[in-house]
């Protein structure tokens, strides 16, 4: 099963640092946008988060940078779910230079489902767990 596209976009000149490459803050920003698209695919989008007063907290993030990106480059992020537990999901984003197909960066994240009223972790709803388990990457697919 191919990982879903969770972000598609371009590198703008203001994303670039003093040596002409996209600055790390923009990689993180694009991965963050991919994360919100991904959790929406799991059935936990913004409207539901607001209605149920729930949310997500990133508790761990690891990003190896593989290739510099320049103004005008287009990128695609695909996301694979690696693990789902009672209150936690672990997933990996892969950012690819759209024209060359080269991997620009990879971001592995651990996210915790939180109750915003109680300000502590909370169990994932059963429908989200079911959707997440259906999307789990095969064993050995972690980066």
Protein backbone atom coordinates (compact mmCIF):
# COMPACT_ATOMS: atom_id res chain seq x y z
CA UNK A 1 0.00 0.00 0.00
CA UNK A 2 1.44 3.36 -1.02
CA UNK A 3 1.66 5.98 1.68
CA UNK A 4 -0.84 8.83 1.26
CA UNK A 5 0.22 12.31 0.17
CA UNK A 6 -0.21 14.58 3.19
CA UNK A 7 1.41 17.73 1.81
CA UNK A 8 2.26 19.20 -1.58
CA UNK A 9 3.85 22.60 -1.98
CA UNK A 10 6.65 24.81 -3.22
CA UNK A 11 9.77 26.42 -1.83
CA UNK A 12 9.52 30.21 -1.98
CA UNK A 13 12.49 32.61 -1.93
CA UNK A 14 11.62 33.73 1.62
CA UNK A 15 11.99 30.10 2.77
CA UNK A 16 15.69 30.20 1.90
CA UNK A 17 18.59 31.02 4.18
CA UNK A 18 21.79 32.97 3.54
CA UNK A 19 23.30 30.11 1.48
CA UNK A 20 20.25 29.73 -0.74
CA UNK A 21 18.75 26.51 0.68
CA UNK A 22 15.37 26.14 2.33
CA UNK A 23 15.92 26.87 6.03
CA UNK A 24 15.24 24.09 8.55
CA UNK A 25 12.30 26.00 10.04
CA UNK A 26 10.43 25.56 6.75
CA UNK A 27 11.08 21.81 6.60
CA UNK A 28 9.55 21.60 10.08
CA UNK A 29 6.63 23.80 8.99
CA UNK A 30 5.87 21.66 5.94
CA UNK A 31 6.10 18.50 8.06
CA UNK A 32 3.72 20.12 10.56
CA UNK A 33 1.18 20.80 7.81
CA UNK A 34 1.53 17.17 6.70
CA UNK A 35 0.86 16.08 10.29
CA UNK A 36 -2.44 17.97 10.48
CA UNK A 37 -3.52 16.50 7.14
CA UNK A 38 -2.54 13.04 8.36
CA UNK A 39 -4.49 13.20 11.64
CA UNK A 40 -7.50 14.45 9.65
CA UNK A 41 -7.17 11.31 7.48
CA UNK A 42 -7.37 9.30 10.69
CA UNK A 43 -10.73 10.93 11.40
CA UNK A 44 -9.47 13.51 13.85
CA UNK A 45 -9.57 16.83 11.99
CA UNK A 46 -9.83 20.36 13.34
CA UNK A 47 -13.64 20.43 13.70
CA UNK A 48 -13.64 17.26 15.76
CA UNK A 49 -10.73 18.48 17.90
CA UNK A 50 -12.63 21.69 18.65
CA UNK A 51 -15.93 19.91 19.33
CA UNK A 52 -14.39 17.29 21.63
CA UNK A 53 -11.81 19.64 23.18
CA UNK A 54 -9.03 17.22 22.28
CA UNK A 55 -5.78 17.66 20.42
CA UNK A 56 -2.28 16.35 19.77
CA UNK A 57 1.09 17.03 21.32
CA UNK A 58 4.34 16.12 19.60
CA UNK A 59 6.60 14.52 22.19
CA UNK A 60 9.46 13.39 19.97
CA UNK A 61 10.70 14.39 16.53
CA UNK A 62 13.76 13.28 14.57
CA UNK A 63 14.69 14.81 11.19
CA UNK A 64 17.60 13.70 9.04
CA UNK A 65 18.13 16.18 6.19
CA UNK A 66 19.15 14.43 2.96
CA UNK A 67 19.09 17.06 0.18
CA UNK A 68 18.96 20.83 0.03
CA UNK A 69 15.93 22.46 -1.55
CA UNK A 70 16.01 25.71 -3.52
CA UNK A 71 13.48 28.43 -4.33
CA UNK A 72 11.11 27.14 -6.99
CA UNK A 73 11.47 23.47 -6.05
CA UNK A 74 8.24 21.60 -5.47
CA UNK A 75 7.90 18.93 -2.81
CA UNK A 76 5.57 16.13 -1.85
CA UNK A 77 5.27 14.62 1.62
CA UNK A 78 3.97 11.09 2.09
CA UNK A 79 3.21 9.71 5.53
CA UNK A 80 3.33 6.19 6.97
CA UNK A 81 1.87 5.19 10.30
CA UNK A 82 4.37 3.06 12.21
CA UNK A 83 2.65 2.42 15.53
CA UNK A 84 -0.66 3.05 17.29
CA UNK A 85 -1.18 2.63 21.03
CA UNK A 86 -3.98 3.60 23.40
CA UNK A 87 -2.96 7.30 23.52
CA UNK A 88 -0.02 7.48 21.10
CA UNK A 89 0.73 7.34 17.39
CA UNK A 90 4.16 7.16 15.79
CA UNK A 91 4.56 7.98 12.12
CA UNK A 92 7.11 9.04 9.55
CA UNK A 93 6.93 11.74 6.88
CA UNK A 94 9.11 11.55 3.77
CA UNK A 95 9.64 14.81 1.87
CA UNK A 96 10.55 14.23 -1.77
CA UNK A 97 11.77 16.69 -4.41
CA UNK A 98 8.88 16.38 -6.85
CA UNK A 99 10.89 16.60 -10.09
CA UNK A 100 13.87 14.40 -9.24
CA UNK A 101 12.18 12.01 -6.83
CA UNK A 102 15.08 12.43 -4.39
CA UNK A 103 14.33 12.33 -0.67
CA UNK A 104 14.98 15.78 0.81
CA UNK A 105 14.23 14.98 4.46
CA UNK A 106 12.53 12.45 6.69
CA UNK A 107 10.69 13.25 9.90
CA UNK A 108 9.74 10.61 12.43
CA UNK A 109 7.25 11.86 15.01
CA UNK A 110 5.59 10.55 18.14
CA UNK A 111 2.31 12.24 18.96
CA UNK A 112 0.17 11.95 22.07
CA UNK A 113 -3.59 12.46 22.04
CA UNK A 114 -4.52 15.00 24.73
CA UNK A 115 -7.61 16.22 26.53
CA UNK A 116 -7.33 20.01 26.34
CA UNK A 117 -9.64 20.58 29.32
CA UNK A 118 -7.80 18.22 31.66
CA UNK A 119 -4.40 19.07 30.10
CA UNK A 120 -3.26 15.46 30.06
CA UNK A 121 -3.05 12.50 27.72
CA UNK A 122 -6.29 10.77 26.75
CA UNK A 123 -7.23 7.50 25.05
CA UNK A 124 -7.80 7.69 21.32
CA UNK A 125 -11.43 7.20 20.26
CA UNK A 126 -12.19 3.65 19.02
CA UNK A 127 -12.99 4.83 15.46
CA UNK A 128 -9.59 6.58 15.20
CA UNK A 129 -7.78 3.50 16.54
CA UNK A 130 -9.58 1.32 13.97
CA UNK A 131 -8.70 3.67 11.10
CA UNK A 132 -5.11 3.94 12.29
CA UNK A 133 -4.68 0.17 12.57
CA UNK A 134 -5.96 -0.19 9.00
CA UNK A 135 -3.24 2.24 7.87
CA UNK A 136 -0.33 0.67 9.76
CA UNK A 137 2.82 0.22 7.70
CA UNK A 138 4.03 -3.36 7.31
CA UNK A 139 6.58 -4.57 9.87
CA UNK A 140 10.08 -3.49 8.85
CA UNK A 141 8.88 -0.36 7.00
CA UNK A 142 10.27 2.08 9.61
CA UNK A 143 13.01 4.40 8.41
